[in-house]
N, C-alpha and C. Protein backbone atom coordinates (compact mmCIF):
# COMPACT_ATOMS: atom_id res chain seq x y z
N MET A 1 3.95 -37.57 -12.62
CA MET A 1 4.80 -37.57 -11.36
C MET A 1 4.76 -36.36 -10.53
N SER A 2 4.98 -35.21 -11.23
CA SER A 2 4.95 -34.21 -10.30
C SER A 2 3.37 -33.95 -9.99
N ASP A 3 2.41 -34.28 -10.54
CA ASP A 3 1.07 -34.11 -10.10
C ASP A 3 0.78 -35.09 -8.68
N ASP A 4 1.40 -36.23 -8.72
CA ASP A 4 1.60 -37.16 -7.60
C ASP A 4 2.04 -36.62 -6.42
N ARG A 5 3.17 -35.93 -6.66
CA ARG A 5 4.00 -35.32 -5.63
C ARG A 5 2.98 -34.17 -5.07
N SER A 6 2.36 -33.39 -5.79
CA SER A 6 1.59 -32.18 -5.44
C SER A 6 0.45 -32.82 -4.81
N ALA A 7 -0.06 -33.90 -5.03
CA ALA A 7 -1.22 -34.32 -4.46
C ALA A 7 -0.77 -35.09 -3.08
N TYR A 8 0.19 -35.68 -3.09
CA TYR A 8 0.73 -36.14 -1.57
C TYR A 8 1.02 -34.90 -0.64
N ALA A 9 1.71 -33.96 -1.39
CA ALA A 9 1.98 -32.88 -0.48
C ALA A 9 0.62 -32.28 0.10
N ARG A 10 -0.35 -32.18 -0.68
CA ARG A 10 -1.74 -31.45 -0.25
C ARG A 10 -2.23 -32.56 0.68
N ILE A 11 -2.04 -33.65 0.54
CA ILE A 11 -2.79 -34.68 1.74
C ILE A 11 -2.19 -34.28 2.99
N GLY A 12 -0.65 -34.72 2.85
CA GLY A 12 -0.07 -34.17 4.15
C GLY A 12 -0.22 -32.71 4.98
N ALA A 13 -0.72 -31.80 4.23
CA ALA A 13 -0.90 -30.41 4.70
C ALA A 13 -2.22 -30.64 5.28
N HIS A 14 -3.04 -31.31 4.67
CA HIS A 14 -4.47 -31.20 5.20
C HIS A 14 -4.45 -32.14 6.61
N ILE A 15 -3.59 -33.06 6.52
CA ILE A 15 -3.58 -34.11 7.56
C ILE A 15 -2.99 -33.07 8.76
N SER A 16 -1.86 -32.56 8.51
CA SER A 16 -1.41 -31.54 9.50
C SER A 16 -2.21 -30.61 9.94
N TRP A 17 -2.90 -29.94 9.08
CA TRP A 17 -3.98 -28.87 9.73
C TRP A 17 -4.97 -29.62 10.47
N ALA A 18 -5.59 -30.87 10.12
CA ALA A 18 -6.63 -31.47 11.11
C ALA A 18 -5.85 -31.72 11.99
N ASN A 19 -4.69 -32.21 12.31
CA ASN A 19 -4.19 -32.34 13.74
C ASN A 19 -3.51 -31.07 14.63
N THR A 20 -3.87 -30.06 13.96
CA THR A 20 -3.57 -28.66 14.55
C THR A 20 -4.64 -28.27 15.73
N THR A 21 -4.57 -28.37 16.79
CA THR A 21 -5.53 -27.85 17.66
C THR A 21 -5.67 -26.29 17.60
N ASP A 22 -4.53 -25.56 17.75
CA ASP A 22 -4.56 -24.11 17.90
C ASP A 22 -4.10 -23.46 16.54
N ARG A 23 -5.01 -23.15 15.61
CA ARG A 23 -4.50 -22.68 14.32
C ARG A 23 -3.73 -21.21 14.56
N THR A 24 -4.44 -20.55 15.24
CA THR A 24 -3.97 -19.11 15.40
C THR A 24 -2.24 -19.29 16.04
N ALA A 25 -2.32 -19.83 16.98
CA ALA A 25 -0.63 -20.02 17.33
C ALA A 25 0.24 -20.53 16.31
N ARG A 26 -0.35 -21.59 15.60
CA ARG A 26 0.71 -22.19 14.65
C ARG A 26 1.03 -21.25 13.45
N THR A 27 0.00 -20.21 13.12
CA THR A 27 0.41 -19.36 12.37
C THR A 27 0.93 -17.77 13.03
N ALA A 28 1.04 -17.63 14.30
CA ALA A 28 1.50 -16.53 14.80
C ALA A 28 2.83 -15.99 14.28
N PRO A 29 3.89 -17.01 14.28
CA PRO A 29 5.05 -16.49 13.69
C PRO A 29 5.31 -15.82 12.26
N ALA A 30 4.56 -16.34 11.62
CA ALA A 30 4.33 -15.84 10.26
C ALA A 30 3.86 -14.63 9.90
N ARG A 31 2.69 -14.41 10.88
CA ARG A 31 1.74 -13.35 10.78
C ARG A 31 2.84 -12.13 11.41
N ALA A 32 3.39 -12.38 12.56
CA ALA A 32 4.19 -11.27 13.13
C ALA A 32 5.76 -11.01 12.03
N ALA A 33 5.96 -12.02 11.49
CA ALA A 33 6.92 -11.51 10.44
C ALA A 33 6.58 -10.75 9.29
N LEU A 34 5.37 -10.85 8.87
CA LEU A 34 4.94 -10.16 7.90
C LEU A 34 4.59 -8.78 8.41
N ASP A 35 4.03 -8.67 9.55
CA ASP A 35 3.79 -7.32 10.24
C ASP A 35 5.27 -6.62 10.31
N ALA A 36 6.03 -7.22 10.80
CA ALA A 36 7.27 -6.84 11.14
C ALA A 36 8.07 -6.28 9.98
N LYS A 37 7.93 -6.95 8.61
CA LYS A 37 8.11 -6.50 7.35
C LYS A 37 7.71 -5.36 6.82
N PHE A 38 6.31 -5.18 7.19
CA PHE A 38 5.70 -3.83 6.58
C PHE A 38 6.20 -2.65 7.74
N LEU A 39 6.25 -3.07 8.88
CA LEU A 39 6.76 -1.96 10.03
C LEU A 39 8.02 -1.42 9.64
N GLN A 40 9.05 -2.41 9.18
CA GLN A 40 10.35 -2.07 8.76
C GLN A 40 10.44 -1.29 7.37
N GLN A 41 9.62 -1.55 6.22
CA GLN A 41 9.33 -0.81 5.14
C GLN A 41 8.82 0.63 5.42
N ALA A 42 8.08 0.53 6.68
CA ALA A 42 7.69 2.04 6.83
C ALA A 42 8.50 3.04 7.87
N ASP A 43 9.51 2.55 8.06
CA ASP A 43 10.63 3.10 9.08
C ASP A 43 9.84 3.11 10.41
N GLY A 44 9.09 1.98 10.79
CA GLY A 44 8.51 2.08 12.31
C GLY A 44 7.40 2.81 12.26
N ASP A 45 6.75 3.52 11.33
CA ASP A 45 5.50 4.09 11.58
C ASP A 45 4.49 3.60 11.22
N PRO A 46 3.87 3.08 12.48
CA PRO A 46 2.66 2.05 12.30
C PRO A 46 1.46 2.21 11.39
N VAL A 47 1.07 3.58 11.18
CA VAL A 47 0.18 4.00 10.27
C VAL A 47 0.59 3.75 8.92
N ARG A 48 1.53 4.11 8.36
CA ARG A 48 2.32 3.71 7.20
C ARG A 48 2.20 2.09 6.82
N ALA A 49 2.60 1.48 8.10
CA ALA A 49 2.68 -0.04 7.70
C ALA A 49 1.28 -0.37 7.56
N ALA A 50 0.39 0.01 8.02
CA ALA A 50 -0.83 -0.39 7.88
C ALA A 50 -1.42 -0.23 6.38
N HIS A 51 -1.01 0.78 5.93
CA HIS A 51 -1.40 1.13 4.39
C HIS A 51 -0.57 0.37 3.58
N LEU A 52 0.68 0.17 3.98
CA LEU A 52 1.29 -0.92 3.20
C LEU A 52 1.01 -2.10 2.90
N ARG A 53 0.56 -2.67 4.29
CA ARG A 53 -0.04 -3.92 4.44
C ARG A 53 -1.46 -3.93 3.40
N LYS A 54 -2.27 -3.02 3.71
CA LYS A 54 -3.68 -3.04 2.85
C LYS A 54 -3.22 -2.99 1.49
N ALA A 55 -2.34 -2.34 0.90
CA ALA A 55 -1.86 -2.20 -0.55
C ALA A 55 -1.47 -3.51 -0.88
N HIS A 56 -0.51 -4.10 -0.22
CA HIS A 56 -0.07 -5.73 -0.29
C HIS A 56 -1.32 -6.65 -0.64
N PHE A 57 -2.28 -6.70 0.33
CA PHE A 57 -3.44 -7.60 0.16
C PHE A 57 -4.16 -7.19 -0.93
N THR A 58 -4.36 -5.99 -1.24
CA THR A 58 -5.40 -5.26 -2.43
C THR A 58 -4.62 -5.73 -3.57
N ARG A 59 -3.48 -5.89 -3.72
CA ARG A 59 -2.56 -6.14 -4.88
C ARG A 59 -2.88 -7.53 -5.03
N LEU A 60 -2.59 -8.31 -4.04
CA LEU A 60 -2.92 -10.08 -4.23
C LEU A 60 -4.44 -10.18 -4.67
N ALA A 61 -5.38 -9.36 -4.39
CA ALA A 61 -6.77 -9.52 -4.44
C ALA A 61 -6.86 -9.38 -6.11
N LEU A 62 -6.14 -8.34 -6.71
CA LEU A 62 -6.26 -7.99 -7.83
C LEU A 62 -5.77 -9.01 -8.78
N LYS A 63 -4.45 -9.49 -8.48
CA LYS A 63 -4.04 -10.62 -9.17
C LYS A 63 -4.82 -11.68 -9.20
N SER A 64 -5.38 -12.21 -8.15
CA SER A 64 -6.19 -13.43 -8.20
C SER A 64 -7.33 -13.19 -9.02
N ALA A 65 -7.97 -11.94 -8.89
CA ALA A 65 -9.09 -11.55 -9.69
C ALA A 65 -8.91 -11.87 -11.18
N LYS A 66 -7.76 -11.27 -11.73
CA LYS A 66 -7.19 -11.35 -13.15
C LYS A 66 -6.89 -12.86 -13.41
N ALA A 67 -6.40 -13.59 -12.62
CA ALA A 67 -5.98 -15.02 -12.78
C ALA A 67 -7.48 -15.67 -13.01
N ARG A 68 -8.43 -15.42 -12.23
CA ARG A 68 -9.66 -16.08 -12.34
C ARG A 68 -10.35 -15.63 -13.74
N ARG A 69 -9.98 -14.54 -14.01
CA ARG A 69 -10.91 -14.15 -15.36
C ARG A 69 -10.26 -14.63 -16.38
N ARG A 70 -8.54 -14.92 -16.37
CA ARG A 70 -8.12 -15.57 -17.47
C ARG A 70 -8.54 -17.11 -17.51
N ALA A 71 -8.78 -17.67 -16.37
CA ALA A 71 -9.05 -19.01 -16.30
C ALA A 71 -10.47 -19.14 -16.86
N ASP A 72 -11.34 -18.15 -16.58
CA ASP A 72 -12.84 -18.24 -17.04
C ASP A 72 -12.70 -18.01 -18.40
N ASP A 73 -11.87 -17.29 -19.14
CA ASP A 73 -11.68 -17.00 -20.40
C ASP A 73 -11.25 -18.15 -21.16
N ASP A 74 -10.14 -18.94 -20.67
CA ASP A 74 -9.74 -20.09 -21.06
C ASP A 74 -10.69 -21.18 -21.32
N ASP A 75 -11.63 -21.34 -20.02
CA ASP A 75 -12.56 -22.37 -20.15
C ASP A 75 -13.50 -22.02 -21.22
N ALA A 76 -13.86 -20.62 -21.67
CA ALA A 76 -14.98 -20.51 -22.57
C ALA A 76 -14.62 -20.63 -23.85
N ALA A 77 -13.35 -20.56 -24.41
CA ALA A 77 -12.55 -20.86 -25.39
C ALA A 77 -12.40 -22.23 -25.94
């Protein structure tokens, strides 16, 4: 049942993005909010905010790589 809901949600998301003419404008509020979050964490210092942003995305990349390695290990077993 949850697999069906997830599949329907993915279908809806794909349809929604297919009907989006300006992808950049659609995601602008989220990008602005994330930039504001890093700027707030850096007490308004844009250089520190840039480093916090890079650290955040590097941390996500590391987590992703670990998850892929675990999945590969599970497939090999």
